[in-house]
PDB file of N, CA and C in Angstrom:
ATOM      1  N   UNK A   1      81.230 -78.368  -8.402  1.00  0.00           N
ATOM      2  CA  UNK A   1      81.078 -77.836  -9.657  1.00  0.00           C
ATOM      3  C   UNK A   1      79.665 -77.247  -9.943  1.00  0.00           C
ATOM      4  N   UNK A   2      78.700 -77.989  -9.383  1.00  0.00           N
ATOM      5  CA  UNK A   2      77.290 -77.539  -9.411  1.00  0.00           C
ATOM      6  C   UNK A   2      77.103 -76.116  -9.070  1.00  0.00           C
ATOM      7  N   UNK A   3      77.560 -75.643  -7.840  1.00  0.00           N
ATOM      8  CA  UNK A   3      77.556 -74.392  -7.452  1.00  0.00           C
ATOM      9  C   UNK A   3      78.356 -73.396  -8.453  1.00  0.00           C
ATOM     10  N   UNK A   4      79.527 -73.699  -9.163  1.00  0.00           N
ATOM     11  CA  UNK A   4      79.974 -72.677 -10.061  1.00  0.00           C
ATOM     12  C   UNK A   4      79.198 -72.344 -11.275  1.00  0.00           C
ATOM     13  N   UNK A   5      78.363 -73.408 -11.786  1.00  0.00           N
ATOM     14  CA  UNK A   5      77.204 -73.371 -12.800  1.00  0.00           C
ATOM     15  C   UNK A   5      76.027 -72.511 -12.408  1.00  0.00           C
ATOM     16  N   UNK A   6      75.723 -72.621 -11.059  1.00  0.00           N
ATOM     17  CA  UNK A   6      74.748 -71.850 -10.447  1.00  0.00           C
ATOM     18  C   UNK A   6      74.908 -70.675 -10.288  1.00  0.00           C
ATOM     19  N   UNK A   7      76.316 -70.308  -9.930  1.00  0.00           N
ATOM     20  CA  UNK A   7      76.634 -68.882  -9.717  1.00  0.00           C
ATOM     21  C   UNK A   7      76.752 -68.225 -10.829  1.00  0.00           C
ATOM     22  N   UNK A   8      77.278 -68.862 -12.060  1.00  0.00           N
ATOM     23  CA  UNK A   8      77.157 -68.091 -13.252  1.00  0.00           C
ATOM     24  C   UNK A   8      75.711 -68.189 -13.977  1.00  0.00           C
ATOM     25  N   UNK A   9      75.001 -68.753 -13.540  1.00  0.00           N
ATOM     26  CA  UNK A   9      73.442 -68.664 -14.078  1.00  0.00           C
ATOM     27  C   UNK A   9      72.754 -67.637 -13.218  1.00  0.00           C
ATOM     28  N   UNK A  10      73.123 -67.404 -11.944  1.00  0.00           N
ATOM     29  CA  UNK A  10      72.732 -66.379 -11.092  1.00  0.00           C
ATOM     30  C   UNK A  10      73.154 -65.024 -11.560  1.00  0.00           C
ATOM     31  N   UNK A  11      74.562 -64.803 -11.834  1.00  0.00           N
ATOM     32  CA  UNK A  11      75.111 -63.624 -12.388  1.00  0.00           C
ATOM     33  C   UNK A  11      74.467 -63.398 -13.718  1.00  0.00           C
ATOM     34  N   UNK A  12      74.240 -64.211 -14.596  1.00  0.00           N
ATOM     35  CA  UNK A  12      73.783 -63.899 -15.926  1.00  0.00           C
ATOM     36  C   UNK A  12      72.306 -63.373 -15.822  1.00  0.00           C
ATOM     37  N   UNK A  13      71.462 -64.159 -15.057  1.00  0.00           N
ATOM     38  CA  UNK A  13      70.069 -63.832 -14.805  1.00  0.00           C
ATOM     39  C   UNK A  13      69.938 -62.289 -14.007  1.00  0.00           C
ATOM     40  N   UNK A  14      70.745 -61.877 -13.205  1.00  0.00           N
ATOM     41  CA  UNK A  14      70.779 -60.668 -12.541  1.00  0.00           C
ATOM     42  C   UNK A  14      71.241 -59.591 -13.605  1.00  0.00           C
ATOM     43  N   UNK A  15      72.199 -59.850 -14.385  1.00  0.00           N
ATOM     44  CA  UNK A  15      72.786 -58.793 -15.176  1.00  0.00           C
ATOM     45  C   UNK A  15      71.824 -58.670 -16.355  1.00  0.00           C
ATOM     46  N   UNK A  16      71.127 -59.779 -16.660  1.00  0.00           N
ATOM     47  CA  UNK A  16      70.260 -59.273 -17.739  1.00  0.00           C
ATOM     48  C   UNK A  16      69.011 -58.574 -17.343  1.00  0.00           C
ATOM     49  N   UNK A  17      68.571 -58.968 -15.921  1.00  0.00           N
ATOM     50  CA  UNK A  17      67.548 -58.349 -15.078  1.00  0.00           C
ATOM     51  C   UNK A  17      67.843 -56.899 -14.986  1.00  0.00           C
ATOM     52  N   UNK A  18      69.223 -56.603 -14.623  1.00  0.00           N
ATOM     53  CA  UNK A  18      69.401 -55.267 -14.439  1.00  0.00           C
ATOM     54  C   UNK A  18      69.372 -54.178 -15.648  1.00  0.00           C
ATOM     55  N   UNK A  19      69.905 -54.813 -16.759  1.00  0.00           N
ATOM     56  CA  UNK A  19      70.038 -54.326 -18.195  1.00  0.00           C
ATOM     57  C   UNK A  19      68.446 -54.003 -18.723  1.00  0.00           C
ATOM     58  N   UNK A  20      67.800 -54.900 -18.695  1.00  0.00           N
ATOM     59  CA  UNK A  20      66.304 -54.971 -19.063  1.00  0.00           C
ATOM     60  C   UNK A  20      65.586 -53.877 -18.067  1.00  0.00           C
ATOM     61  N   UNK A  21      65.823 -53.937 -16.869  1.00  0.00           N
ATOM     62  CA  UNK A  21      64.980 -52.906 -16.049  1.00  0.00           C
ATOM     63  C   UNK A  21      65.566 -51.483 -15.973  1.00  0.00           C
ATOM     64  N   UNK A  22      66.943 -51.383 -16.401  1.00  0.00           N
ATOM     65  CA  UNK A  22      67.527 -50.083 -16.594  1.00  0.00           C
ATOM     66  C   UNK A  22      66.815 -49.419 -18.011  1.00  0.00           C
ATOM     67  N   UNK A  23      66.774 -50.136 -19.049  1.00  0.00           N
ATOM     68  CA  UNK A  23      66.222 -49.844 -20.124  1.00  0.00           C
ATOM     69  C   UNK A  23      64.769 -49.217 -19.911  1.00  0.00           C
ATOM     70  N   UNK A  24      64.085 -49.989 -19.312  1.00  0.00           N
ATOM     71  CA  UNK A  24      62.677 -49.695 -19.233  1.00  0.00           C
ATOM     72  C   UNK A  24      62.440 -48.459 -18.256  1.00  0.00           C
ATOM     73  N   UNK A  25      63.047 -48.279 -17.298  1.00  0.00           N
ATOM     74  CA  UNK A  25      63.052 -47.298 -16.465  1.00  0.00           C
ATOM     75  C   UNK A  25      63.773 -45.958 -17.165  1.00  0.00           C
ATOM     76  N   UNK A  26      64.711 -45.907 -17.969  1.00  0.00           N
ATOM     77  CA  UNK A  26      65.168 -44.968 -18.622  1.00  0.00           C
ATOM     78  C   UNK A  26      64.159 -44.613 -19.742  1.00  0.00           C
ATOM     79  N   UNK A  27      63.587 -45.528 -20.323  1.00  0.00           N
ATOM     80  CA  UNK A  27      62.527 -45.152 -21.402  1.00  0.00           C
ATOM     81  C   UNK A  27      61.374 -44.507 -20.704  1.00  0.00           C
ATOM     82  N   UNK A  28      61.056 -44.888 -19.757  1.00  0.00           N
ATOM     83  CA  UNK A  28      59.972 -44.230 -18.810  1.00  0.00           C
ATOM     84  C   UNK A  28      60.198 -42.634 -18.596  1.00  0.00           C
ATOM     85  N   UNK A  29      61.438 -42.650 -18.219  1.00  0.00           N
ATOM     86  CA  UNK A  29      61.782 -41.247 -17.730  1.00  0.00           C
ATOM     87  C   UNK A  29      62.125 -40.408 -19.011  1.00  0.00           C
ATOM     88  N   UNK A  30      62.418 -40.879 -19.957  1.00  0.00           N
ATOM     89  CA  UNK A  30      62.743 -39.997 -21.048  1.00  0.00           C
ATOM     90  C   UNK A  30      61.603 -39.809 -22.036  1.00  0.00           C
ATOM     91  N   UNK A  31      60.496 -40.491 -21.788  1.00  0.00           N
ATOM     92  CA  UNK A  31      59.328 -40.091 -22.795  1.00  0.00           C
ATOM     93  C   UNK A  31      58.300 -39.354 -21.871  1.00  0.00           C
ATOM     94  N   UNK A  32      57.453 -38.762 -22.553  1.00  0.00           N
ATOM     95  CA  UNK A  32      56.592 -37.697 -21.844  1.00  0.00           C
ATOM     96  C   UNK A  32      55.364 -38.578 -21.076  1.00  0.00           C
ATOM     97  N   UNK A  33      55.098 -39.623 -21.514  1.00  0.00           N
ATOM     98  CA  UNK A  33      54.227 -40.326 -20.810  1.00  0.00           C
ATOM     99  C   UNK A  33      54.517 -41.590 -19.897  1.00  0.00           C
ATOM    100  N   UNK A  34      54.166 -41.339 -18.449  1.00  0.00           N
ATOM    101  CA  UNK A  34      54.777 -42.556 -17.820  1.00  0.00           C
ATOM    102  C   UNK A  34      53.637 -43.803 -17.600  1.00  0.00           C
ATOM    103  N   UNK A  35      54.357 -44.905 -17.660  1.00  0.00           N
ATOM    104  CA  UNK A  35      53.864 -45.998 -17.989  1.00  0.00           C
ATOM    105  C   UNK A  35      53.738 -46.840 -16.445  1.00  0.00           C
ATOM    106  N   UNK A  36      54.156 -46.037 -15.238  1.00  0.00           N
ATOM    107  CA  UNK A  36      54.354 -46.836 -14.108  1.00  0.00           C
ATOM    108  C   UNK A  36      53.034 -47.565 -13.544  1.00  0.00           C
ATOM    109  N   UNK A  37      53.258 -48.437 -13.099  1.00  0.00           N
ATOM    110  CA  UNK A  37      51.941 -48.941 -12.218  1.00  0.00           C
ATOM    111  C   UNK A  37      52.723 -49.592 -11.067  1.00  0.00           C
ATOM    112  N   UNK A  38      52.714 -48.706  -9.851  1.00  0.00           N
ATOM    113  CA  UNK A  38      53.509 -49.104  -8.926  1.00  0.00           C
ATOM    114  C   UNK A  38      52.681 -50.265  -7.914  1.00  0.00           C
ATOM    115  N   UNK A  39      53.288 -50.860  -7.223  1.00  0.00           N
ATOM    116  CA  UNK A  39      52.651 -51.836  -6.199  1.00  0.00           C
ATOM    117  C   UNK A  39      53.696 -52.542  -5.223  1.00  0.00           C
ATOM    118  N   UNK A  40      53.319 -52.711  -4.095  1.00  0.00           N
ATOM    119  CA  UNK A  40      54.009 -53.469  -3.134  1.00  0.00           C
ATOM    120  C   UNK A  40      53.378 -55.216  -3.271  1.00  0.00           C
ATOM    121  N   UNK A  41      54.442 -56.052  -3.243  1.00  0.00           N
ATOM    122  CA  UNK A  41      53.950 -57.309  -3.368  1.00  0.00           C
ATOM    123  C   UNK A  41      54.904 -58.170  -2.266  1.00  0.00           C
ATOM    124  N   UNK A  42      54.239 -59.024  -1.804  1.00  0.00           N
ATOM    125  CA  UNK A  42      54.669 -60.094  -0.691  1.00  0.00           C
ATOM    126  C   UNK A  42      55.297 -61.316  -1.324  1.00  0.00           C
ATOM    127  N   UNK A  43      56.868 -61.472  -0.979  1.00  0.00           N
ATOM    128  CA  UNK A  43      57.254 -62.825  -1.748  1.00  0.00           C
ATOM    129  C   UNK A  43      57.601 -63.462  -0.443  1.00  0.00           C
ATOM    130  N   UNK A  44      57.033 -65.004  -0.884  1.00  0.00           N
ATOM    131  CA  UNK A  44      57.447 -65.974   0.347  1.00  0.00           C
ATOM    132  C   UNK A  44      58.911 -66.330   0.314  1.00  0.00           C
ATOM    133  N   UNK A  45      59.610 -66.007   1.470  1.00  0.00           N
ATOM    134  CA  UNK A  45      61.105 -66.318   1.569  1.00  0.00           C
ATOM    135  C   UNK A  45      61.227 -67.471   2.377  1.00  0.00           C
ATOM    136  N   UNK A  46      60.347 -68.107   3.075  1.00  0.00           N
ATOM    137  CA  UNK A  46      60.499 -69.139   3.988  1.00  0.00           C
ATOM    138  C   UNK A  46      61.606 -70.146   3.839  1.00  0.00           C
ATOM    139  N   UNK A  47      61.696 -70.399   2.596  1.00  0.00           N
ATOM    140  CA  UNK A  47      62.591 -71.654   2.110  1.00  0.00           C
ATOM    141  C   UNK A  47      64.029 -71.102   2.030  1.00  0.00           C
ATOM    142  N   UNK A  48      64.307 -69.867   2.578  1.00  0.00           N
ATOM    143  CA  UNK A  48      65.852 -69.263   2.345  1.00  0.00           C
ATOM    144  C   UNK A  48      66.287 -69.187   3.690  1.00  0.00           C
ATOM    145  N   UNK A  49      67.593 -69.280   3.961  1.00  0.00           N
ATOM    146  CA  UNK A  49      68.305 -69.014   5.052  1.00  0.00           C
ATOM    147  C   UNK A  49      68.441 -67.614   5.180  1.00  0.00           C
ATOM    148  N   UNK A  50      69.150 -67.212   6.194  1.00  0.00           N
ATOM    149  CA  UNK A  50      69.388 -65.579   6.436  1.00  0.00           C
ATOM    150  C   UNK A  50      70.279 -65.049   5.459  1.00  0.00           C
ATOM    151  N   UNK A  51      71.400 -65.823   5.096  1.00  0.00           N
ATOM    152  CA  UNK A  51      72.429 -65.344   3.960  1.00  0.00           C
ATOM    153  C   UNK A  51      71.677 -65.377   2.754  1.00  0.00           C
ATOM    154  N   UNK A  52      70.797 -66.469   2.296  1.00  0.00           N
ATOM    155  CA  UNK A  52      70.196 -66.458   0.960  1.00  0.00           C
ATOM    156  C   UNK A  52      69.461 -65.258   0.781  1.00  0.00           C
ATOM    157  N   UNK A  53      68.578 -64.965   2.091  1.00  0.00           N
ATOM    158  CA  UNK A  53      67.641 -63.698   2.052  1.00  0.00           C
ATOM    159  C   UNK A  53      68.551 -62.399   1.782  1.00  0.00           C
ATOM    160  N   UNK A  54      69.524 -62.331   2.550  1.00  0.00           N
ATOM    161  CA  UNK A  54      70.413 -60.956   2.221  1.00  0.00           C
ATOM    162  C   UNK A  54      70.992 -60.834   0.939  1.00  0.00           C
ATOM    163  N   UNK A  55      71.334 -61.922   0.228  1.00  0.00           N
ATOM    164  CA  UNK A  55      71.736 -61.785  -1.294  1.00  0.00           C
ATOM    165  C   UNK A  55      70.417 -61.589  -2.081  1.00  0.00           C
ATOM    166  N   UNK A  56      69.459 -62.252  -1.979  1.00  0.00           N
ATOM    167  CA  UNK A  56      68.173 -61.930  -2.709  1.00  0.00           C
ATOM    168  C   UNK A  56      67.790 -60.562  -2.461  1.00  0.00           C
ATOM    169  N   UNK A  57      67.787 -60.011  -1.438  1.00  0.00           N
ATOM    170  CA  UNK A  57      67.394 -58.645  -1.069  1.00  0.00           C
ATOM    171  C   UNK A  57      68.142 -57.726  -1.811  1.00  0.00           C
ATOM    172  N   UNK A  58      69.455 -57.847  -1.531  1.00  0.00           N
ATOM    173  CA  UNK A  58      70.614 -56.858  -2.204  1.00  0.00           C
ATOM    174  C   UNK A  58      70.268 -56.768  -3.609  1.00  0.00           C
ATOM    175  N   UNK A  59      70.094 -58.083  -4.206  1.00  0.00           N
ATOM    176  CA  UNK A  59      70.160 -58.045  -5.746  1.00  0.00           C
ATOM    177  C   UNK A  59      68.791 -57.412  -6.177  1.00  0.00           C
ATOM    178  N   UNK A  60      67.650 -57.585  -5.481  1.00  0.00           N
ATOM    179  CA  UNK A  60      66.238 -57.195  -5.908  1.00  0.00           C
ATOM    180  C   UNK A  60      66.462 -55.381  -5.810  1.00  0.00           C
ATOM    181  N   UNK A  61      67.060 -55.185  -4.512  1.00  0.00           N
ATOM    182  CA  UNK A  61      67.270 -53.766  -4.367  1.00  0.00           C
ATOM    183  C   UNK A  61      68.178 -53.088  -5.254  1.00  0.00           C
ATOM    184  N   UNK A  62      69.120 -53.762  -5.930  1.00  0.00           N
ATOM    185  CA  UNK A  62      70.211 -53.092  -6.825  1.00  0.00           C
ATOM    186  C   UNK A  62      69.467 -53.037  -8.310  1.00  0.00           C
ATOM    187  N   UNK A  63      68.395 -53.962  -8.434  1.00  0.00           N
ATOM    188  CA  UNK A  63      67.734 -53.666 -10.035  1.00  0.00           C
ATOM    189  C   UNK A  63      66.864 -52.496  -9.875  1.00  0.00           C
ATOM    190  N   UNK A  64      66.991 -51.710 -10.949  1.00  0.00           N
ATOM    191  CA  UNK A  64      66.219 -50.335 -11.160  1.00  0.00           C
ATOM    192  C   UNK A  64      64.718 -50.908 -11.165  1.00  0.00           C
ATOM    193  N   UNK A  65      64.073 -50.085 -10.359  1.00  0.00           N
ATOM    194  CA  UNK A  65      62.493 -50.496 -10.654  1.00  0.00           C
ATOM    195  C   UNK A  65      61.927 -51.211  -9.374  1.00  0.00           C
ATOM    196  N   UNK A  66      62.737 -51.809  -8.697  1.00  0.00           N
ATOM    197  CA  UNK A  66      62.322 -52.589  -7.538  1.00  0.00           C
ATOM    198  C   UNK A  66      63.206 -52.264  -6.457  1.00  0.00           C
ATOM    199  N   UNK A  67      62.537 -52.472  -5.345  1.00  0.00           N
ATOM    200  CA  UNK A  67      63.096 -52.169  -3.905  1.00  0.00           C
ATOM    201  C   UNK A  67      62.713 -52.884  -2.663  1.00  0.00           C
ATOM    202  N   UNK A  68      63.417 -53.534  -1.976  1.00  0.00           N
ATOM    203  CA  UNK A  68      63.013 -54.221  -1.000  1.00  0.00           C
ATOM    204  C   UNK A  68      62.687 -53.216   0.191  1.00  0.00           C
ATOM    205  N   UNK A  69      61.371 -53.580   0.585  1.00  0.00           N
ATOM    206  CA  UNK A  69      60.689 -52.473   1.793  1.00  0.00           C
ATOM    207  C   UNK A  69      60.614 -53.127   3.096  1.00  0.00           C
ATOM    208  N   UNK A  70      60.923 -54.423   3.105  1.00  0.00           N
ATOM    209  CA  UNK A  70      60.759 -54.924   4.620  1.00  0.00           C
ATOM    210  C   UNK A  70      60.476 -56.329   4.550  1.00  0.00           C
ATOM    211  N   UNK A  71      60.726 -56.824   5.865  1.00  0.00           N
ATOM    212  CA  UNK A  71      60.707 -58.301   6.120  1.00  0.00           C
ATOM    213  C   UNK A  71      59.726 -58.480   7.246  1.00  0.00           C
ATOM    214  N   UNK A  72      58.891 -59.370   7.106  1.00  0.00           N
ATOM    215  CA  UNK A  72      57.668 -59.780   8.277  1.00  0.00           C
ATOM    216  C   UNK A  72      58.558 -60.328   9.445  1.00  0.00           C
ATOM    217  N   UNK A  73      58.164 -60.091  10.498  1.00  0.00           N
ATOM    218  CA  UNK A  73      58.527 -60.295  11.785  1.00  0.00           C
ATOM    219  C   UNK A  73      59.114 -62.044  11.910  1.00  0.00           C
ATOM    220  N   UNK A  74      58.298 -62.767  11.320  1.00  0.00           N
ATOM    221  CA  UNK A  74      58.466 -64.263  11.660  1.00  0.00           C
ATOM    222  C   UNK A  74      59.609 -64.529  10.194  1.00  0.00           C
ATOM    223  N   UNK A  75      60.154 -63.542   9.458  1.00  0.00           N
ATOM    224  CA  UNK A  75      61.102 -63.781   8.507  1.00  0.00           C
ATOM    225  C   UNK A  75      60.548 -64.717   7.292  1.00  0.00           C
ATOM    226  N   UNK A  76      59.199 -64.727   7.111  1.00  0.00           N
ATOM    227  CA  UNK A  76      58.826 -65.704   6.008  1.00  0.00           C
ATOM    228  C   UNK A  76      58.384 -64.893   4.787  1.00  0.00           C
ATOM    229  N   UNK A  77      58.247 -63.552   4.966  1.00  0.00           N
ATOM    230  CA  UNK A  77      57.431 -62.651   3.952  1.00  0.00           C
ATOM    231  C   UNK A  77      58.438 -61.488   3.609  1.00  0.00           C
ATOM    232  N   UNK A  78      59.033 -61.418   2.267  1.00  0.00           N
ATOM    233  CA  UNK A  78      59.723 -60.186   1.990  1.00  0.00           C
ATOM    234  C   UNK A  78      58.824 -59.087   1.176  1.00  0.00           C
ATOM    235  N   UNK A  79      58.707 -57.954   1.536  1.00  0.00           N
ATOM    236  CA  UNK A  79      58.011 -56.970   0.880  1.00  0.00           C
ATOM    237  C   UNK A  79      58.851 -56.357  -0.185  1.00  0.00           C
ATOM    238  N   UNK A  80      58.370 -56.341  -1.468  1.00  0.00           N
ATOM    239  CA  UNK A  80      59.205 -55.825  -2.448  1.00  0.00           C
ATOM    240  C   UNK A  80      58.244 -54.482  -3.111  1.00  0.00           C
ATOM    241  N   UNK A  81      58.696 -53.470  -3.416  1.00  0.00           N
ATOM    242  CA  UNK A  81      58.122 -52.253  -4.030  1.00  0.00           C
ATOM    243  C   UNK A  81      58.476 -52.371  -5.505  1.00  0.00           C
ATOM    244  N   UNK A  82      57.515 -52.448  -6.386  1.00  0.00           N
ATOM    245  CA  UNK A  82      57.847 -52.558  -7.849  1.00  0.00           C
ATOM    246  C   UNK A  82      57.059 -51.296  -8.547  1.00  0.00           C
ATOM    247  N   UNK A  83      58.112 -50.660  -9.581  1.00  0.00           N
ATOM    248  CA  UNK A  83      57.412 -49.557 -10.208  1.00  0.00           C
ATOM    249  C   UNK A  83      56.471 -49.942 -11.359  1.00  0.00           C
ATOM    250  N   UNK A  84      56.632 -51.313 -11.806  1.00  0.00           N
ATOM    251  CA  UNK A  84      55.972 -51.628 -12.913  1.00  0.00           C
ATOM    252  C   UNK A  84      55.409 -53.104 -12.721  1.00  0.00           C
ATOM    253  N   UNK A  85      54.096 -53.142 -12.229  1.00  0.00           N
ATOM    254  CA  UNK A  85      53.516 -54.430 -12.171  1.00  0.00           C
ATOM    255  C   UNK A  85      52.626 -54.797 -13.435  1.00  0.00           C
ATOM    256  N   UNK A  86      53.179 -55.716 -14.151  1.00  0.00           N
ATOM    257  CA  UNK A  86      52.554 -56.234 -15.300  1.00  0.00           C
ATOM    258  C   UNK A  86      51.674 -57.240 -15.342  1.00  0.00           C
ATOM    259  N   UNK A  87      51.002 -57.682 -14.387  1.00  0.00           N
ATOM    260  CA  UNK A  87      50.189 -58.421 -14.249  1.00  0.00           C
ATOM    261  C   UNK A  87      49.480 -59.008 -12.897  1.00  0.00           C
ATOM    262  N   UNK A  88      49.080 -59.882 -12.482  1.00  0.00           N
ATOM    263  CA  UNK A  88      48.636 -60.265 -11.132  1.00  0.00           C
ATOM    264  C   UNK A  88      49.722 -60.320 -10.134  1.00  0.00           C
ATOM    265  N   UNK A  89      49.433 -59.744  -9.071  1.00  0.00           N
ATOM    266  CA  UNK A  89      50.427 -59.662  -7.719  1.00  0.00           C
ATOM    267  C   UNK A  89      51.082 -61.134  -7.612  1.00  0.00           C
ATOM    268  N   UNK A  90      50.138 -62.029  -7.770  1.00  0.00           N
ATOM    269  CA  UNK A  90      50.702 -63.402  -7.483  1.00  0.00           C
ATOM    270  C   UNK A  90      51.740 -64.082  -8.439  1.00  0.00           C
ATOM    271  N   UNK A  91      51.568 -63.486  -9.557  1.00  0.00           N
ATOM    272  CA  UNK A  91      52.408 -63.737 -10.718  1.00  0.00           C
ATOM    273  C   UNK A  91      53.809 -63.240 -10.573  1.00  0.00           C
ATOM    274  N   UNK A  92      53.796 -61.924 -10.048  1.00  0.00           N
ATOM    275  CA  UNK A  92      55.002 -61.085  -9.755  1.00  0.00           C
ATOM    276  C   UNK A  92      55.675 -61.896  -8.566  1.00  0.00           C
ATOM    277  N   UNK A  93      55.014 -62.107  -7.519  1.00  0.00           N
ATOM    278  CA  UNK A  93      55.774 -62.855  -6.378  1.00  0.00           C
ATOM    279  C   UNK A  93      56.227 -64.179  -6.923  1.00  0.00           C
ATOM    280  N   UNK A  94      55.723 -64.969  -7.514  1.00  0.00           N
ATOM    281  CA  UNK A  94      56.010 -66.096  -8.119  1.00  0.00           C
ATOM    282  C   UNK A  94      57.294 -66.094  -8.927  1.00  0.00           C
ATOM    283  N   UNK A  95      57.440 -65.023  -9.496  1.00  0.00           N
ATOM    284  CA  UNK A  95      58.606 -64.702 -10.576  1.00  0.00           C
ATOM    285  C   UNK A  95      59.759 -64.190  -9.625  1.00  0.00           C
ATOM    286  N   UNK A  96      59.491 -63.620  -8.460  1.00  0.00           N
ATOM    287  CA  UNK A  96      60.843 -63.442  -7.763  1.00  0.00           C
ATOM    288  C   UNK A  96      61.113 -64.629  -7.062  1.00  0.00           C
ATOM    289  N   UNK A  97      60.140 -65.425  -6.580  1.00  0.00           N
ATOM    290  CA  UNK A  97      60.586 -66.697  -5.799  1.00  0.00           C
ATOM    291  C   UNK A  97      61.385 -67.830  -6.655  1.00  0.00           C
ATOM    292  N   UNK A  98      60.682 -67.794  -7.838  1.00  0.00           N
ATOM    293  CA  UNK A  98      61.168 -68.830  -8.979  1.00  0.00           C
ATOM    294  C   UNK A  98      62.570 -68.217  -9.570  1.00  0.00           C
ATOM    295  N   UNK A  99      62.684 -66.860  -9.766  1.00  0.00           N
ATOM    296  CA  UNK A  99      63.636 -66.458 -10.563  1.00  0.00           C
ATOM    297  C   UNK A  99      64.999 -66.246  -9.438  1.00  0.00           C
ATOM    298  N   UNK A 100      64.868 -65.035  -8.426  1.00  0.00           N
ATOM    299  CA  UNK A 100      65.909 -65.198  -7.650  1.00  0.00           C
ATOM    300  C   UNK A 100      66.213 -66.064  -6.568  1.00  0.00           C
ATOM    301  N   UNK A 101      64.984 -66.259  -5.989  1.00  0.00           N
ATOM    302  CA  UNK A 101      64.953 -67.379  -5.034  1.00  0.00           C
ATOM    303  C   UNK A 101      65.587 -68.645  -5.232  1.00  0.00           C
ATOM    304  N   UNK A 102      65.129 -69.300  -6.352  1.00  0.00           N
ATOM    305  CA  UNK A 102      65.702 -70.613  -6.794  1.00  0.00           C
ATOM    306  C   UNK A 102      67.103 -70.531  -7.178  1.00  0.00           C
ATOM    307  N   UNK A 103      67.472 -69.492  -7.798  1.00  0.00           N
ATOM    308  CA  UNK A 103      68.962 -69.362  -7.998  1.00  0.00           C
ATOM    309  C   UNK A 103      69.632 -69.204  -6.872  1.00  0.00           C
ATOM    310  N   UNK A 104      69.504 -68.345  -5.988  1.00  0.00           N
ATOM    311  CA  UNK A 104      70.144 -67.873  -4.781  1.00  0.00           C
ATOM    312  C   UNK A 104      70.272 -69.304  -3.777  1.00  0.00           C
ATOM    313  N   UNK A 105      69.180 -70.157  -3.824  1.00  0.00           N
ATOM    314  CA  UNK A 105      69.305 -71.369  -3.137  1.00  0.00           C
ATOM    315  C   UNK A 105      70.353 -72.015  -3.771  1.00  0.00           C
ATOM    316  N   UNK A 106      70.460 -72.209  -4.924  1.00  0.00           N
ATOM    317  CA  UNK A 106      71.334 -73.236  -5.603  1.00  0.00           C
ATOM    318  C   UNK A 106      72.764 -72.804  -5.484  1.00  0.00           C
ATOM    319  N   UNK A 107      72.973 -71.566  -5.288  1.00  0.00           N
ATOM    320  CA  UNK A 107      74.356 -71.029  -4.966  1.00  0.00           C
ATOM    321  C   UNK A 107      74.721 -71.061  -3.552  1.00  0.00           C
ATOM    322  N   UNK A 108      73.860 -70.821  -2.663  1.00  0.00           N
ATOM    323  CA  UNK A 108      74.245 -70.839  -1.329  1.00  0.00           C
ATOM    324  C   UNK A 108      73.672 -71.880  -0.448  1.00  0.00           C
TER     325      UNK A 108
END
């Protein structure tokens, strides 16, 4: 039963992230001033299994404004390209680890 609630939590977290990101990208495209601050961040994924990493990578890539660009050879670091970096790189990486990583681990 825990996994069912974790899956629902992951679904709503992902859906909210997609809606929020879509609105942000659409606003940036439709206005004359671009507010992009692109960056590539390294996300620690050493605690994830291959299946969990696959799910997390797909969800990140399906979210507008972010895209998975690679995995380190030791499979411990996942590189993510962001259109909007709103703070320190460490905070953005921790946001992915605590947001997607934790929820994906709870489901799978």
